[in-house]
Amino acid sequence: MTSQLAAALQTGSVWFRVAAISGATAVGLSAYGAHGFKPKDPYYMEVFRRANNLHLVHSLLLAIAPSTKRPWLVGGLTLAGITLFSGTCYNIALREEKKWVQLAPMGGFALMAAWLALAL
């Protein structure tokens, strides 16, 4: 890891950009879910909505990561959680198959750990 990247992760400046990209992606996926996504089974629409809701909410946690004592920990756990939980749920919904379902709980635990990291 370069020293500039390490410094950015430590100070948290990179997390504002990550939050902006994550939030914009969540809003775009929300629009797709509302207007373009037509699963055969309504169960997958619920999975998509849950993924999108948690994706958008946790994009806000990414945005506050720079103001925490350990921005790299809060940001890293949040990004891992969004990727593992929401990413897995998006994949399940869009493919209409539960092949990778076991990854979602790991993402949920990462998101819980991110919130708890605020207390450190």
Protein backbone atom coordinates (compact mmCIF):
# COMPACT_ATOMS: atom_id res chain seq x y z
CA MET A 1 0.00 0.00 0.00
CA THR A 2 1.40 3.39 -0.91
CA SER A 3 1.98 5.91 1.83
CA GLN A 4 -0.53 8.31 0.24
CA LEU A 5 -3.26 5.67 0.19
CA ALA A 6 -2.43 4.64 3.75
CA ALA A 7 -2.65 8.29 4.86
CA ALA A 8 -5.98 8.76 3.06
CA LEU A 9 -7.42 5.67 4.74
CA GLN A 10 -6.17 6.79 8.15
CA THR A 11 -7.51 10.34 7.88
CA GLY A 12 -10.72 9.22 6.28
CA SER A 13 -10.69 11.54 3.26
CA VAL A 14 -11.20 8.65 0.86
CA TRP A 15 -14.39 7.57 2.62
CA PHE A 16 -16.35 10.65 1.45
CA ARG A 17 -15.71 9.62 -2.15
CA VAL A 18 -16.56 5.99 -1.45
CA ALA A 19 -19.79 7.13 0.25
CA ALA A 20 -20.71 9.32 -2.72
CA ILE A 21 -20.19 6.48 -5.18
CA SER A 22 -22.04 4.02 -2.95
CA GLY A 23 -24.97 6.39 -2.41
CA ALA A 24 -25.29 7.19 -6.11
CA THR A 25 -25.17 3.49 -6.92
CA ALA A 26 -27.87 2.77 -4.33
CA VAL A 27 -30.15 5.46 -5.78
CA GLY A 28 -29.58 4.17 -9.31
CA LEU A 29 -30.36 0.62 -8.24
CA SER A 30 -33.46 1.88 -6.43
CA ALA A 31 -34.70 3.42 -9.68
CA TYR A 32 -34.01 0.18 -11.51
CA GLY A 33 -35.83 -1.78 -8.81
CA ALA A 34 -38.85 0.51 -9.02
CA HIS A 35 -39.09 0.79 -12.81
CA GLY A 36 -37.16 -1.98 -14.54
CA PHE A 37 -36.79 -5.01 -12.33
CA LYS A 38 -39.59 -7.50 -12.95
CA PRO A 39 -38.78 -10.81 -11.24
CA LYS A 40 -40.98 -13.83 -11.89
CA ASP A 41 -41.25 -14.52 -8.17
CA PRO A 42 -42.22 -11.57 -5.88
CA TYR A 43 -39.86 -12.95 -3.23
CA TYR A 44 -36.93 -11.66 -5.26
CA MET A 45 -38.36 -8.15 -5.35
CA GLU A 46 -38.41 -8.18 -1.54
CA VAL A 47 -34.80 -9.38 -1.47
CA PHE A 48 -33.84 -6.59 -3.88
CA ARG A 49 -35.63 -3.95 -1.79
CA ARG A 50 -33.98 -5.14 1.43
CA ALA A 51 -30.56 -5.03 -0.24
CA ASN A 52 -31.22 -1.56 -1.56
CA ASN A 53 -32.54 -0.21 1.73
CA LEU A 54 -29.50 -1.38 3.69
CA HIS A 55 -27.17 -0.25 0.90
CA LEU A 56 -28.54 3.30 1.02
CA VAL A 57 -28.61 3.52 4.84
CA HIS A 58 -25.06 2.26 5.14
CA SER A 59 -23.83 4.66 2.47
CA LEU A 60 -24.60 7.31 5.10
CA LEU A 61 -22.45 5.45 7.61
CA LEU A 62 -19.62 5.56 5.06
CA ALA A 63 -20.12 9.33 4.84
CA ILE A 64 -19.62 9.78 8.58
CA ALA A 65 -16.64 7.42 8.74
CA PRO A 66 -14.14 10.30 8.31
CA SER A 67 -15.42 11.96 11.48
CA THR A 68 -14.83 8.86 13.63
CA LYS A 69 -11.75 7.99 15.67
CA ARG A 70 -10.97 5.04 13.39
CA PRO A 71 -12.22 5.93 9.90
CA TRP A 72 -10.42 3.03 8.24
CA LEU A 73 -12.13 0.55 10.58
CA VAL A 74 -15.64 2.01 10.31
CA GLY A 75 -15.30 2.59 6.57
CA GLY A 76 -13.70 -0.76 5.85
CA LEU A 77 -16.25 -2.75 7.81
CA THR A 78 -19.11 -0.78 6.27
CA LEU A 79 -17.84 -1.25 2.74
CA ALA A 80 -17.26 -4.96 3.34
CA GLY A 81 -20.76 -5.26 4.81
CA ILE A 82 -22.44 -3.45 1.92
CA THR A 83 -20.55 -5.57 -0.58
CA LEU A 84 -21.21 -8.88 1.15
CA PHE A 85 -24.79 -8.26 2.29
CA SER A 86 -26.32 -6.00 -0.33
CA GLY A 87 -24.15 -7.32 -3.14
CA THR A 88 -25.15 -10.88 -2.36
CA CYS A 89 -28.83 -9.97 -2.07
CA TYR A 90 -28.73 -8.01 -5.37
CA ASN A 91 -27.12 -11.04 -7.01
CA ILE A 92 -29.73 -13.40 -5.56
CA ALA A 93 -32.59 -11.15 -6.69
CA LEU A 94 -31.30 -10.38 -10.17
CA ARG A 95 -30.36 -13.98 -10.96
CA GLU A 96 -33.40 -15.36 -9.11
CA GLU A 97 -31.25 -18.04 -7.52
CA LYS A 98 -29.98 -18.52 -3.99
CA LYS A 99 -26.54 -19.84 -4.92
CA TRP A 100 -24.47 -17.40 -2.81
CA VAL A 101 -26.93 -16.89 0.06
CA GLN A 102 -24.36 -17.95 2.69
CA LEU A 103 -22.36 -14.72 2.11
CA ALA A 104 -25.17 -12.40 3.23
CA PRO A 105 -24.88 -13.14 6.98
CA MET A 106 -21.16 -12.32 6.85
CA GLY A 107 -22.08 -8.95 5.41
CA GLY A 108 -24.65 -8.45 8.14
CA PHE A 109 -22.06 -9.16 10.81
CA ALA A 110 -19.64 -6.71 9.15
CA LEU A 111 -22.35 -4.02 9.20
CA MET A 112 -23.06 -4.65 12.89
CA ALA A 113 -19.33 -4.51 13.61
CA ALA A 114 -19.10 -1.19 11.74
CA TRP A 115 -21.77 0.33 13.98
CA LEU A 116 -20.03 -1.04 17.07
CA ALA A 117 -16.72 0.39 15.82
CA LEU A 118 -18.23 3.85 16.29
CA ALA A 119 -17.96 3.23 20.04
CA LEU A 120 -14.19 2.63 19.88
